[in-house]
């Protein structure tokens, strides 16, 4: 229940941004996504209002812990327009993030969204980096109930440097915020970015780049 209450509070905060949300403003009460439509638009086409049901505005499962058995020791459970069709055109979504001890949500960016995160259980190190040329790091250790904002488009991360599991919930100012994980984009692109380009950008030997790319 506490998780749901905090999630509702975060959603309310994000909704307060209204006119400054990343997504276009809606022109009717709602535009439930028609996921079966073959029409391609910026977003998703609307389902016929006569076919809309209450389940189009509902999701169950955020109380379930995600499986953190992976290389990073963290997992994101999204609640966006793919899970709730009623979020279409509303400019908001939600995620639950689980972190095992030493778990990391690696440096990434949301190209279409600001993020506001609160820690539900545990202690979490967070940070974001400003754009060039300053590239200034803002970092803080969050405790249970603390809230932190990651500005739209900036590279950010979360790290569980403790010995117990951590749970966080975050609201994002887009129905489909997108995510670009820096390491995956640079070293895991398909087809691969040529190793000599990455080597020059990072000022390392090509053999080092090849070794890192092999991990992706």
N, C-alpha and C. Protein backbone atom coordinates (compact mmCIF):
# COMPACT_ATOMS: atom_id res chain seq x y z
N UNK A 1 0.83 -1.20 0.00
CA UNK A 1 0.00 0.00 0.00
C UNK A 1 0.87 1.26 0.00
N UNK A 2 1.96 1.23 0.77
CA UNK A 2 2.83 2.40 0.80
C UNK A 2 3.41 2.70 -0.57
N UNK A 3 3.79 1.62 -1.29
CA UNK A 3 4.34 1.80 -2.63
C UNK A 3 3.32 2.47 -3.54
N UNK A 4 2.07 2.00 -3.46
CA UNK A 4 1.03 2.55 -4.32
C UNK A 4 0.75 4.01 -3.98
N UNK A 5 0.75 4.37 -2.69
CA UNK A 5 0.51 5.74 -2.30
C UNK A 5 1.61 6.66 -2.79
N UNK A 6 2.86 6.21 -2.63
CA UNK A 6 3.97 7.02 -3.10
C UNK A 6 3.96 7.14 -4.61
N UNK A 7 3.61 6.05 -5.29
CA UNK A 7 3.53 6.10 -6.75
C UNK A 7 2.47 7.11 -7.18
N UNK A 8 1.33 7.10 -6.49
CA UNK A 8 0.27 8.05 -6.82
C UNK A 8 0.74 9.48 -6.60
N UNK A 9 1.50 9.70 -5.54
CA UNK A 9 2.01 11.04 -5.27
C UNK A 9 2.96 11.50 -6.36
N UNK A 10 3.82 10.57 -6.82
CA UNK A 10 4.75 10.91 -7.89
C UNK A 10 4.02 11.23 -9.18
N UNK A 11 2.99 10.46 -9.46
CA UNK A 11 2.20 10.73 -10.66
C UNK A 11 1.56 12.11 -10.59
N UNK A 12 1.06 12.47 -9.41
CA UNK A 12 0.45 13.78 -9.24
C UNK A 12 1.46 14.89 -9.48
N UNK A 13 2.68 14.69 -8.96
CA UNK A 13 3.73 15.69 -9.16
C UNK A 13 4.05 15.83 -10.64
N UNK A 14 4.18 14.70 -11.32
CA UNK A 14 4.52 14.76 -12.73
C UNK A 14 3.40 15.41 -13.54
N UNK A 15 2.15 15.11 -13.16
CA UNK A 15 1.02 15.70 -13.88
C UNK A 15 0.99 17.21 -13.75
N UNK A 16 1.56 17.72 -12.66
CA UNK A 16 1.53 19.16 -12.43
C UNK A 16 2.33 19.92 -13.48
N UNK A 17 3.19 19.18 -14.23
CA UNK A 17 3.97 19.83 -15.28
C UNK A 17 3.12 20.11 -16.51
N UNK A 18 2.00 19.39 -16.66
CA UNK A 18 1.02 19.63 -17.71
C UNK A 18 1.57 20.16 -19.01
N UNK A 19 1.54 21.49 -19.14
CA UNK A 19 1.86 22.12 -20.41
C UNK A 19 3.31 21.93 -20.80
N UNK A 20 4.18 21.61 -19.87
CA UNK A 20 5.59 21.45 -20.19
C UNK A 20 5.97 20.00 -20.38
N UNK A 21 4.99 19.09 -20.39
CA UNK A 21 5.28 17.68 -20.61
C UNK A 21 5.89 17.50 -21.98
N UNK A 22 6.66 16.40 -22.13
CA UNK A 22 7.34 16.13 -23.38
C UNK A 22 6.36 15.86 -24.51
N UNK A 23 5.26 15.19 -24.24
CA UNK A 23 4.33 14.75 -25.27
C UNK A 23 3.31 15.85 -25.61
N UNK A 24 2.75 15.81 -26.83
CA UNK A 24 1.73 16.80 -27.21
C UNK A 24 0.52 16.73 -26.29
N UNK A 25 -0.13 17.85 -26.06
CA UNK A 25 -1.30 17.88 -25.22
C UNK A 25 -2.48 17.21 -25.92
N UNK A 26 -3.33 16.53 -25.15
CA UNK A 26 -4.49 15.87 -25.74
C UNK A 26 -5.58 16.90 -26.05
N UNK A 27 -6.41 16.56 -27.01
CA UNK A 27 -7.48 17.45 -27.45
C UNK A 27 -8.86 16.89 -27.12
N UNK A 28 -8.90 15.85 -26.30
CA UNK A 28 -10.15 15.26 -25.85
C UNK A 28 -9.91 14.67 -24.47
N UNK A 29 -10.94 14.07 -23.87
CA UNK A 29 -10.79 13.53 -22.52
C UNK A 29 -9.67 12.50 -22.44
N UNK A 30 -9.61 11.61 -23.40
CA UNK A 30 -8.56 10.59 -23.44
C UNK A 30 -8.44 10.08 -24.87
N UNK A 31 -7.33 9.41 -25.11
CA UNK A 31 -7.05 8.81 -26.42
C UNK A 31 -6.39 7.47 -26.15
N UNK A 32 -7.19 6.48 -25.76
CA UNK A 32 -6.65 5.16 -25.44
C UNK A 32 -5.99 4.57 -26.69
N UNK A 33 -4.78 4.10 -26.54
CA UNK A 33 -4.02 3.59 -27.68
C UNK A 33 -4.69 2.39 -28.33
N UNK A 34 -4.82 2.46 -29.63
CA UNK A 34 -5.31 1.33 -30.41
C UNK A 34 -4.08 0.56 -30.90
N UNK A 35 -3.68 -0.45 -30.14
CA UNK A 35 -2.44 -1.17 -30.43
C UNK A 35 -2.55 -2.08 -31.63
N UNK A 36 -3.74 -2.28 -32.14
CA UNK A 36 -3.94 -3.14 -33.31
C UNK A 36 -3.97 -2.35 -34.61
N UNK A 37 -4.01 -1.03 -34.50
CA UNK A 37 -4.11 -0.19 -35.70
C UNK A 37 -2.81 -0.25 -36.52
N UNK A 38 -2.96 -0.23 -37.84
CA UNK A 38 -1.82 -0.20 -38.74
C UNK A 38 -1.40 1.23 -39.08
N UNK A 39 -2.16 2.20 -38.60
CA UNK A 39 -1.84 3.60 -38.85
C UNK A 39 -0.61 3.99 -38.05
N UNK A 40 0.30 4.73 -38.66
CA UNK A 40 1.52 5.16 -37.99
C UNK A 40 1.47 6.67 -37.80
N UNK A 41 1.49 7.10 -36.55
CA UNK A 41 1.47 8.52 -36.22
C UNK A 41 2.53 8.77 -35.15
N UNK A 42 2.72 10.03 -34.79
CA UNK A 42 3.64 10.37 -33.71
C UNK A 42 2.96 10.07 -32.38
N UNK A 43 3.15 8.86 -31.91
CA UNK A 43 2.43 8.35 -30.76
C UNK A 43 1.65 7.14 -31.21
N UNK A 44 0.43 7.00 -30.75
CA UNK A 44 -0.42 5.88 -31.16
C UNK A 44 -1.81 6.40 -31.48
N UNK A 45 -2.48 5.84 -32.49
CA UNK A 45 -3.85 6.27 -32.82
C UNK A 45 -4.82 5.91 -31.70
N UNK A 46 -5.94 6.59 -31.69
CA UNK A 46 -6.94 6.39 -30.64
C UNK A 46 -7.85 5.21 -30.94
N UNK A 47 -8.17 4.48 -29.92
CA UNK A 47 -9.22 3.47 -30.02
C UNK A 47 -10.57 4.19 -30.06
N UNK A 48 -11.53 3.58 -30.73
CA UNK A 48 -12.89 4.12 -30.74
C UNK A 48 -13.36 4.26 -29.30
N UNK A 49 -13.82 5.45 -28.93
CA UNK A 49 -14.22 5.72 -27.54
C UNK A 49 -15.30 4.75 -27.06
N UNK A 50 -16.10 4.25 -27.98
CA UNK A 50 -17.16 3.32 -27.60
C UNK A 50 -16.60 1.95 -27.18
N UNK A 51 -15.35 1.68 -27.56
CA UNK A 51 -14.73 0.40 -27.23
C UNK A 51 -13.82 0.49 -26.00
N UNK A 52 -13.69 1.66 -25.44
CA UNK A 52 -12.82 1.85 -24.27
C UNK A 52 -13.46 1.23 -23.04
N UNK A 53 -12.64 0.50 -22.26
CA UNK A 53 -13.10 -0.13 -21.03
C UNK A 53 -12.19 0.29 -19.88
N UNK A 54 -12.63 0.04 -18.66
CA UNK A 54 -11.88 0.49 -17.49
C UNK A 54 -10.48 -0.12 -17.44
N UNK A 55 -10.31 -1.33 -17.98
CA UNK A 55 -9.00 -1.97 -17.96
C UNK A 55 -7.97 -1.21 -18.80
N UNK A 56 -8.43 -0.35 -19.69
CA UNK A 56 -7.51 0.45 -20.50
C UNK A 56 -6.75 1.48 -19.66
N UNK A 57 -7.20 1.69 -18.41
CA UNK A 57 -6.57 2.66 -17.52
C UNK A 57 -5.94 1.99 -16.30
N UNK A 58 -5.70 0.68 -16.40
CA UNK A 58 -5.33 -0.10 -15.20
C UNK A 58 -4.13 -0.98 -15.48
N UNK A 59 -3.28 -1.14 -14.44
CA UNK A 59 -2.16 -2.08 -14.47
C UNK A 59 -1.99 -2.67 -13.08
N UNK A 60 -1.72 -3.94 -13.01
CA UNK A 60 -1.47 -4.59 -11.72
C UNK A 60 -0.13 -5.32 -11.78
N UNK A 61 0.65 -5.20 -10.72
CA UNK A 61 1.91 -5.93 -10.67
C UNK A 61 3.10 -5.15 -10.17
N UNK A 62 2.91 -3.85 -9.89
CA UNK A 62 4.06 -3.05 -9.46
C UNK A 62 4.54 -3.44 -8.06
N UNK A 63 3.74 -4.21 -7.35
CA UNK A 63 4.14 -4.68 -6.02
C UNK A 63 5.09 -5.87 -6.11
N UNK A 64 5.25 -6.45 -7.30
CA UNK A 64 6.08 -7.64 -7.48
C UNK A 64 7.52 -7.23 -7.76
N UNK A 65 8.45 -7.78 -7.00
CA UNK A 65 9.86 -7.47 -7.19
C UNK A 65 10.36 -8.00 -8.53
N UNK A 66 11.17 -7.20 -9.22
CA UNK A 66 11.76 -7.63 -10.49
C UNK A 66 12.93 -8.57 -10.26
N UNK A 67 13.26 -9.32 -11.28
CA UNK A 67 14.37 -10.29 -11.22
C UNK A 67 15.69 -9.57 -11.50
N UNK A 68 16.53 -9.45 -10.49
CA UNK A 68 17.80 -8.73 -10.63
C UNK A 68 18.97 -9.65 -10.97
N UNK A 69 18.66 -10.88 -11.40
CA UNK A 69 19.72 -11.82 -11.77
C UNK A 69 20.20 -11.51 -13.18
N UNK A 70 21.05 -10.53 -13.29
CA UNK A 70 21.65 -10.13 -14.56
C UNK A 70 22.99 -9.47 -14.28
N UNK A 71 23.70 -9.09 -15.34
CA UNK A 71 25.05 -8.54 -15.18
C UNK A 71 25.07 -7.28 -14.34
N UNK A 72 24.03 -6.46 -14.44
CA UNK A 72 24.00 -5.19 -13.72
C UNK A 72 23.43 -5.32 -12.32
N UNK A 73 22.69 -6.37 -12.05
CA UNK A 73 22.10 -6.53 -10.72
C UNK A 73 20.95 -5.57 -10.46
N UNK A 74 20.29 -5.13 -11.53
CA UNK A 74 19.15 -4.22 -11.40
C UNK A 74 18.18 -4.49 -12.53
N UNK A 75 16.90 -4.18 -12.29
CA UNK A 75 15.91 -4.38 -13.34
C UNK A 75 14.82 -3.32 -13.23
N UNK A 76 14.35 -2.88 -14.38
CA UNK A 76 13.30 -1.86 -14.46
C UNK A 76 11.99 -2.51 -14.89
N UNK A 77 10.93 -2.25 -14.13
CA UNK A 77 9.58 -2.70 -14.51
C UNK A 77 8.81 -1.48 -14.99
N UNK A 78 8.55 -1.37 -16.30
CA UNK A 78 7.90 -0.17 -16.83
C UNK A 78 6.38 -0.23 -16.75
N UNK A 79 5.78 0.93 -16.57
CA UNK A 79 4.33 1.10 -16.71
C UNK A 79 4.14 2.32 -17.61
N UNK A 80 4.21 2.07 -18.92
CA UNK A 80 4.05 3.14 -19.89
C UNK A 80 2.89 2.81 -20.82
N UNK A 81 2.83 3.46 -21.95
CA UNK A 81 1.69 3.26 -22.84
C UNK A 81 1.60 1.83 -23.37
N UNK A 82 2.71 1.10 -23.34
CA UNK A 82 2.68 -0.29 -23.77
C UNK A 82 1.91 -1.15 -22.77
N UNK A 83 1.92 -0.77 -21.50
CA UNK A 83 1.20 -1.52 -20.47
C UNK A 83 -0.20 -0.94 -20.21
N UNK A 84 -0.34 0.37 -20.27
CA UNK A 84 -1.63 1.02 -20.04
C UNK A 84 -1.96 1.88 -21.26
N UNK A 85 -2.85 1.38 -22.10
CA UNK A 85 -3.19 2.12 -23.32
C UNK A 85 -3.75 3.49 -23.04
N UNK A 86 -4.39 3.66 -21.87
CA UNK A 86 -4.97 4.94 -21.51
C UNK A 86 -3.96 6.05 -21.27
N UNK A 87 -2.67 5.71 -21.19
CA UNK A 87 -1.64 6.73 -21.02
C UNK A 87 -1.36 7.49 -22.31
N UNK A 88 -1.85 6.96 -23.43
CA UNK A 88 -1.60 7.61 -24.72
C UNK A 88 -2.04 9.08 -24.69
N UNK A 89 -1.14 9.96 -25.05
CA UNK A 89 -1.29 11.43 -25.11
C UNK A 89 -1.30 12.11 -23.75
N UNK A 90 -1.17 11.36 -22.64
CA UNK A 90 -1.23 11.99 -21.32
C UNK A 90 0.14 12.49 -20.82
N UNK A 91 1.21 12.12 -21.49
CA UNK A 91 2.52 12.68 -21.15
C UNK A 91 3.08 12.24 -19.83
N UNK A 92 2.83 10.98 -19.43
CA UNK A 92 3.33 10.50 -18.14
C UNK A 92 3.46 8.99 -18.17
N UNK A 93 4.40 8.47 -17.39
CA UNK A 93 4.55 7.03 -17.21
C UNK A 93 5.28 6.79 -15.89
N UNK A 94 5.45 5.50 -15.57
CA UNK A 94 5.96 5.12 -14.25
C UNK A 94 6.86 3.91 -14.41
N UNK A 95 7.85 3.79 -13.52
CA UNK A 95 8.68 2.58 -13.48
C UNK A 95 8.94 2.19 -12.03
N UNK A 96 9.09 0.90 -11.82
CA UNK A 96 9.64 0.39 -10.56
C UNK A 96 11.04 -0.12 -10.90
N UNK A 97 12.01 0.18 -10.02
CA UNK A 97 13.38 -0.28 -10.24
C UNK A 97 13.83 -1.06 -9.01
N UNK A 98 14.30 -2.28 -9.24
CA UNK A 98 14.84 -3.13 -8.18
C UNK A 98 16.34 -3.24 -8.34
N UNK A 99 17.05 -3.14 -7.22
CA UNK A 99 18.51 -3.22 -7.22
C UNK A 99 18.96 -4.26 -6.20
N UNK A 100 19.73 -5.24 -6.64
CA UNK A 100 20.38 -6.15 -5.71
C UNK A 100 21.56 -5.42 -5.07
N UNK A 101 22.15 -5.95 -4.01
CA UNK A 101 23.37 -5.33 -3.48
C UNK A 101 24.42 -5.16 -4.59
N UNK A 102 25.00 -3.98 -4.67
CA UNK A 102 25.94 -3.60 -5.74
C UNK A 102 25.26 -3.52 -7.11
N UNK A 103 23.94 -3.47 -7.12
CA UNK A 103 23.21 -3.36 -8.37
C UNK A 103 23.30 -1.97 -8.96
N UNK A 104 23.36 -1.90 -10.27
CA UNK A 104 23.54 -0.62 -10.98
C UNK A 104 22.53 -0.47 -12.10
N UNK A 105 21.84 0.67 -12.12
CA UNK A 105 21.11 1.09 -13.32
C UNK A 105 22.10 2.00 -14.05
N UNK A 106 22.77 1.47 -15.07
CA UNK A 106 23.96 2.13 -15.62
C UNK A 106 23.66 3.47 -16.27
N UNK A 107 24.71 4.28 -16.50
CA UNK A 107 24.51 5.59 -17.10
C UNK A 107 23.66 5.51 -18.37
N UNK A 108 22.59 6.32 -18.39
CA UNK A 108 21.66 6.30 -19.50
C UNK A 108 20.96 7.64 -19.58
N UNK A 109 20.16 7.82 -20.61
CA UNK A 109 19.41 9.05 -20.77
C UNK A 109 18.02 8.73 -21.31
N UNK A 110 17.06 9.57 -20.97
CA UNK A 110 15.71 9.47 -21.53
C UNK A 110 15.53 10.64 -22.49
N UNK A 111 15.53 10.39 -23.80
CA UNK A 111 15.50 11.50 -24.76
C UNK A 111 14.22 12.32 -24.75
N UNK A 112 13.14 11.75 -24.18
CA UNK A 112 11.85 12.46 -24.23
C UNK A 112 11.28 12.76 -22.86
N UNK A 113 12.11 12.70 -21.80
CA UNK A 113 11.49 12.79 -20.47
C UNK A 113 12.41 13.28 -19.37
N UNK A 114 11.82 14.05 -18.47
CA UNK A 114 12.38 14.30 -17.14
C UNK A 114 11.95 13.14 -16.25
N UNK A 115 12.75 12.84 -15.23
CA UNK A 115 12.44 11.73 -14.32
C UNK A 115 12.48 12.22 -12.88
N UNK A 116 11.50 11.83 -12.08
CA UNK A 116 11.52 12.10 -10.64
C UNK A 116 11.41 10.77 -9.92
N UNK A 117 12.40 10.49 -9.07
CA UNK A 117 12.56 9.18 -8.44
C UNK A 117 12.48 9.29 -6.92
N UNK A 118 11.83 8.30 -6.29
CA UNK A 118 11.83 8.22 -4.84
C UNK A 118 12.23 6.82 -4.41
N UNK A 119 12.98 6.75 -3.32
CA UNK A 119 13.42 5.47 -2.78
C UNK A 119 12.34 4.93 -1.84
N UNK A 120 11.89 3.70 -2.12
CA UNK A 120 10.86 3.06 -1.30
C UNK A 120 11.48 2.25 -0.18
N UNK A 121 12.54 1.53 -0.50
CA UNK A 121 13.25 0.72 0.48
C UNK A 121 14.74 0.80 0.22
N UNK A 122 15.54 0.99 1.29
CA UNK A 122 16.99 0.94 1.17
C UNK A 122 17.63 2.30 0.98
N UNK A 123 18.85 2.25 0.47
CA UNK A 123 19.70 3.44 0.31
C UNK A 123 20.31 3.38 -1.09
N UNK A 124 20.31 4.50 -1.81
CA UNK A 124 20.68 4.50 -3.22
C UNK A 124 21.55 5.71 -3.56
N UNK A 125 22.66 5.47 -4.24
CA UNK A 125 23.49 6.55 -4.77
C UNK A 125 22.99 6.90 -6.17
N UNK A 126 22.76 8.19 -6.41
CA UNK A 126 22.26 8.63 -7.72
C UNK A 126 23.12 9.78 -8.22
N UNK A 127 23.06 10.01 -9.52
CA UNK A 127 23.80 11.13 -10.06
C UNK A 127 23.43 11.41 -11.50
N UNK A 128 23.68 12.66 -11.94
CA UNK A 128 23.55 13.01 -13.35
C UNK A 128 24.66 13.96 -13.73
N UNK A 129 24.93 14.03 -15.05
CA UNK A 129 26.01 14.85 -15.57
C UNK A 129 25.44 15.90 -16.51
N UNK A 130 25.87 17.14 -16.37
CA UNK A 130 25.39 18.21 -17.24
C UNK A 130 26.04 18.09 -18.63
N UNK A 131 25.52 18.87 -19.56
CA UNK A 131 26.00 18.82 -20.94
C UNK A 131 27.36 19.51 -21.10
N UNK A 132 27.96 19.33 -22.27
CA UNK A 132 29.24 19.97 -22.59
C UNK A 132 29.10 21.50 -22.53
N UNK A 133 30.14 22.23 -22.17
CA UNK A 133 31.49 21.72 -21.88
C UNK A 133 31.74 21.43 -20.41
N UNK A 134 30.80 21.78 -19.52
CA UNK A 134 31.07 21.61 -18.08
C UNK A 134 31.14 20.15 -17.66
N UNK A 135 30.18 19.33 -18.13
CA UNK A 135 30.12 17.92 -17.73
C UNK A 135 30.24 17.78 -16.22
N UNK A 136 29.46 18.59 -15.51
CA UNK A 136 29.52 18.57 -14.05
C UNK A 136 28.65 17.45 -13.50
N UNK A 137 29.20 16.71 -12.55
CA UNK A 137 28.47 15.61 -11.91
C UNK A 137 27.75 16.10 -10.66
N UNK A 138 26.45 15.86 -10.61
CA UNK A 138 25.66 16.09 -9.40
C UNK A 138 25.30 14.72 -8.83
N UNK A 139 25.74 14.45 -7.62
CA UNK A 139 25.50 13.13 -7.04
C UNK A 139 25.08 13.24 -5.59
N UNK A 140 24.25 12.29 -5.15
CA UNK A 140 23.75 12.31 -3.78
C UNK A 140 23.35 10.89 -3.37
N UNK A 141 23.47 10.62 -2.08
CA UNK A 141 23.01 9.35 -1.52
C UNK A 141 21.60 9.56 -0.98
N UNK A 142 20.66 8.76 -1.47
CA UNK A 142 19.27 8.87 -1.06
C UNK A 142 18.91 7.78 -0.07
N UNK A 143 18.11 8.16 0.91
CA UNK A 143 17.57 7.20 1.87
C UNK A 143 16.08 7.00 1.62
N UNK A 144 15.49 6.08 2.32
CA UNK A 144 14.09 5.76 2.16
C UNK A 144 13.24 7.03 2.27
N UNK A 145 12.39 7.25 1.27
CA UNK A 145 11.51 8.42 1.25
C UNK A 145 12.10 9.64 0.57
N UNK A 146 13.40 9.61 0.26
CA UNK A 146 14.02 10.75 -0.43
C UNK A 146 13.61 10.77 -1.90
N UNK A 147 13.61 11.99 -2.47
CA UNK A 147 13.20 12.19 -3.86
C UNK A 147 14.31 12.92 -4.60
N UNK A 148 14.53 12.54 -5.87
CA UNK A 148 15.58 13.17 -6.68
C UNK A 148 15.08 13.32 -8.10
N UNK A 149 15.47 14.43 -8.76
CA UNK A 149 15.05 14.71 -10.12
C UNK A 149 16.23 14.59 -11.07
N UNK A 150 15.99 13.91 -12.20
CA UNK A 150 16.96 13.83 -13.29
C UNK A 150 16.41 14.65 -14.46
N UNK A 151 17.07 15.77 -14.80
CA UNK A 151 16.55 16.62 -15.88
C UNK A 151 16.52 15.89 -17.23
N UNK A 152 15.58 16.30 -18.05
CA UNK A 152 15.35 15.68 -19.34
C UNK A 152 16.62 15.62 -20.19
N UNK A 153 16.90 14.43 -20.71
CA UNK A 153 17.99 14.26 -21.67
C UNK A 153 19.37 14.11 -21.09
N UNK A 154 19.56 14.35 -19.78
CA UNK A 154 20.89 14.27 -19.21
C UNK A 154 21.22 12.84 -18.79
N UNK A 155 22.50 12.49 -18.95
CA UNK A 155 22.97 11.15 -18.57
C UNK A 155 22.91 11.02 -17.05
N UNK A 156 22.33 9.91 -16.58
CA UNK A 156 22.19 9.70 -15.14
C UNK A 156 22.29 8.22 -14.80
N UNK A 157 22.39 7.93 -13.52
CA UNK A 157 22.56 6.54 -13.06
C UNK A 157 22.04 6.41 -11.64
N UNK A 158 21.87 5.15 -11.21
CA UNK A 158 21.58 4.83 -9.81
C UNK A 158 22.41 3.60 -9.44
N UNK A 159 22.94 3.60 -8.22
CA UNK A 159 23.81 2.50 -7.77
C UNK A 159 23.51 2.14 -6.32
N UNK A 160 23.29 0.87 -6.08
CA UNK A 160 23.08 0.37 -4.73
C UNK A 160 24.42 -0.04 -4.14
N UNK A 161 25.00 0.84 -3.35
CA UNK A 161 26.31 0.53 -2.76
C UNK A 161 26.18 -0.11 -1.38
N UNK A 162 24.97 -0.60 -1.06
CA UNK A 162 24.76 -1.24 0.24
C UNK A 162 24.71 -2.75 0.14
N UNK A 163 24.35 -3.38 1.25
CA UNK A 163 24.35 -4.83 1.33
C UNK A 163 22.95 -5.42 1.30
N UNK A 164 21.93 -4.57 1.12
CA UNK A 164 20.54 -5.05 1.07
C UNK A 164 19.88 -4.58 -0.22
N UNK A 165 18.78 -5.21 -0.55
CA UNK A 165 18.05 -4.83 -1.76
C UNK A 165 17.47 -3.43 -1.63
N UNK A 166 17.33 -2.76 -2.77
CA UNK A 166 16.75 -1.42 -2.82
C UNK A 166 15.61 -1.42 -3.83
N UNK A 167 14.55 -0.68 -3.49
CA UNK A 167 13.42 -0.51 -4.40
C UNK A 167 13.18 0.99 -4.58
N UNK A 168 13.00 1.41 -5.82
CA UNK A 168 12.66 2.80 -6.12
C UNK A 168 11.52 2.84 -7.12
N UNK A 169 10.78 3.93 -7.09
CA UNK A 169 9.71 4.18 -8.06
C UNK A 169 9.97 5.55 -8.68
N UNK A 170 9.80 5.64 -10.00
CA UNK A 170 10.04 6.91 -10.68
C UNK A 170 8.91 7.22 -11.65
N UNK A 171 8.56 8.49 -11.73
CA UNK A 171 7.61 8.98 -12.73
C UNK A 171 8.39 9.71 -13.81
N UNK A 172 7.91 9.60 -15.05
CA UNK A 172 8.57 10.22 -16.19
C UNK A 172 7.56 11.02 -17.01
N UNK A 173 8.01 12.14 -17.56
CA UNK A 173 7.09 13.08 -18.20
C UNK A 173 6.83 12.76 -19.67
N UNK A 174 6.66 11.48 -19.97
CA UNK A 174 6.30 11.05 -21.31
C UNK A 174 5.61 9.70 -21.22
N UNK A 175 4.66 9.45 -22.12
CA UNK A 175 4.03 8.14 -22.18
C UNK A 175 5.02 7.09 -22.67
N UNK A 176 6.08 7.54 -23.36
CA UNK A 176 7.09 6.66 -23.93
C UNK A 176 8.44 7.38 -23.85
N UNK A 177 9.05 7.42 -22.65
CA UNK A 177 10.24 8.25 -22.45
C UNK A 177 11.47 7.81 -23.23
N UNK A 178 11.54 6.53 -23.60
CA UNK A 178 12.72 6.02 -24.28
C UNK A 178 13.90 5.93 -23.34
N UNK A 179 14.86 5.10 -23.68
CA UNK A 179 16.07 4.99 -22.87
C UNK A 179 17.25 4.67 -23.78
N UNK A 180 18.33 5.39 -23.59
CA UNK A 180 19.58 5.13 -24.30
C UNK A 180 20.64 4.85 -23.25
N UNK A 181 21.04 3.60 -23.12
CA UNK A 181 22.11 3.23 -22.18
C UNK A 181 23.44 3.51 -22.87
N UNK A 182 24.27 4.33 -22.26
CA UNK A 182 25.49 4.82 -22.91
C UNK A 182 26.38 3.68 -23.39
N UNK A 183 26.66 2.73 -22.52
CA UNK A 183 27.57 1.64 -22.89
C UNK A 183 26.99 0.82 -24.03
N UNK A 184 25.70 0.52 -23.97
CA UNK A 184 25.07 -0.28 -25.03
C UNK A 184 25.11 0.46 -26.36
N UNK A 185 24.85 1.77 -26.33
CA UNK A 185 24.82 2.55 -27.56
C UNK A 185 26.20 2.64 -28.20
N UNK A 186 27.22 2.85 -27.38
CA UNK A 186 28.57 3.04 -27.90
C UNK A 186 29.23 1.72 -28.28
N UNK A 187 29.13 0.74 -27.39
CA UNK A 187 29.87 -0.51 -27.60
C UNK A 187 29.00 -1.65 -28.15
N UNK A 188 27.68 -1.48 -28.11
CA UNK A 188 26.82 -2.56 -28.57
C UNK A 188 26.00 -2.24 -29.78
N UNK A 189 26.33 -1.14 -30.47
CA UNK A 189 25.56 -0.75 -31.66
C UNK A 189 25.65 -1.83 -32.73
N UNK A 190 24.57 -1.99 -33.51
CA UNK A 190 24.53 -2.94 -34.61
C UNK A 190 24.10 -2.23 -35.89
N UNK A 191 24.96 -2.20 -36.92
CA UNK A 191 26.34 -2.71 -36.91
C UNK A 191 27.23 -1.88 -35.99
N UNK A 192 28.37 -2.43 -35.64
CA UNK A 192 29.25 -1.80 -34.66
C UNK A 192 29.83 -0.49 -35.17
N UNK A 193 29.98 0.46 -34.25
CA UNK A 193 30.76 1.67 -34.56
C UNK A 193 32.21 1.21 -34.74
N UNK A 194 32.89 1.62 -35.81
CA UNK A 194 34.27 1.18 -36.03
C UNK A 194 35.14 1.42 -34.80
N UNK A 195 35.97 0.43 -34.47
CA UNK A 195 36.75 0.52 -33.24
C UNK A 195 37.76 1.66 -33.25
N UNK A 196 38.22 2.07 -34.44
CA UNK A 196 39.18 3.18 -34.47
C UNK A 196 38.50 4.50 -34.10
N UNK A 197 37.21 4.62 -34.42
CA UNK A 197 36.47 5.82 -34.04
C UNK A 197 36.28 5.87 -32.53
N UNK A 198 35.87 4.75 -31.95
CA UNK A 198 35.68 4.72 -30.50
C UNK A 198 37.01 4.88 -29.78
N UNK A 199 38.06 4.26 -30.31
CA UNK A 199 39.38 4.37 -29.68
C UNK A 199 39.84 5.82 -29.64
N UNK A 200 39.59 6.56 -30.72
CA UNK A 200 40.01 7.97 -30.73
C UNK A 200 39.15 8.79 -29.79
N UNK A 201 37.84 8.49 -29.74
CA UNK A 201 36.94 9.25 -28.86
C UNK A 201 37.30 9.05 -27.40
N UNK A 202 37.66 7.81 -27.03
CA UNK A 202 37.96 7.49 -25.63
C UNK A 202 39.45 7.55 -25.32
N UNK A 203 40.27 7.80 -26.36
CA UNK A 203 41.72 7.89 -26.18
C UNK A 203 42.28 6.61 -25.55
N UNK A 204 41.92 5.47 -26.15
CA UNK A 204 42.43 4.16 -25.71
C UNK A 204 42.85 3.37 -26.94
N UNK A 205 43.52 2.24 -26.70
CA UNK A 205 43.93 1.37 -27.79
C UNK A 205 42.73 0.65 -28.39
N UNK A 206 42.84 0.32 -29.70
CA UNK A 206 41.75 -0.38 -30.36
C UNK A 206 41.50 -1.75 -29.74
N UNK A 207 42.55 -2.36 -29.23
CA UNK A 207 42.39 -3.67 -28.58
C UNK A 207 41.50 -3.57 -27.35
N UNK A 208 41.58 -2.44 -26.66
CA UNK A 208 40.71 -2.22 -25.50
C UNK A 208 39.26 -2.11 -25.93
N UNK A 209 39.02 -1.38 -27.02
CA UNK A 209 37.67 -1.24 -27.56
C UNK A 209 37.13 -2.59 -27.98
N UNK A 210 37.95 -3.38 -28.67
CA UNK A 210 37.51 -4.70 -29.12
C UNK A 210 37.13 -5.58 -27.95
N UNK A 211 37.87 -5.47 -26.86
CA UNK A 211 37.60 -6.28 -25.67
C UNK A 211 36.27 -5.88 -25.05
N UNK A 212 36.01 -4.57 -25.01
CA UNK A 212 34.74 -4.10 -24.43
C UNK A 212 33.58 -4.45 -25.35
N UNK A 213 33.73 -4.26 -26.63
CA UNK A 213 32.65 -4.58 -27.57
C UNK A 213 32.27 -6.05 -27.50
N UNK A 214 33.22 -6.90 -27.19
CA UNK A 214 32.95 -8.34 -27.12
C UNK A 214 31.99 -8.66 -25.96
N UNK A 215 31.86 -7.75 -24.98
CA UNK A 215 30.96 -7.97 -23.85
C UNK A 215 29.51 -7.69 -24.23
N UNK A 216 29.30 -7.07 -25.39
CA UNK A 216 27.95 -6.71 -25.82
C UNK A 216 27.53 -7.52 -27.03
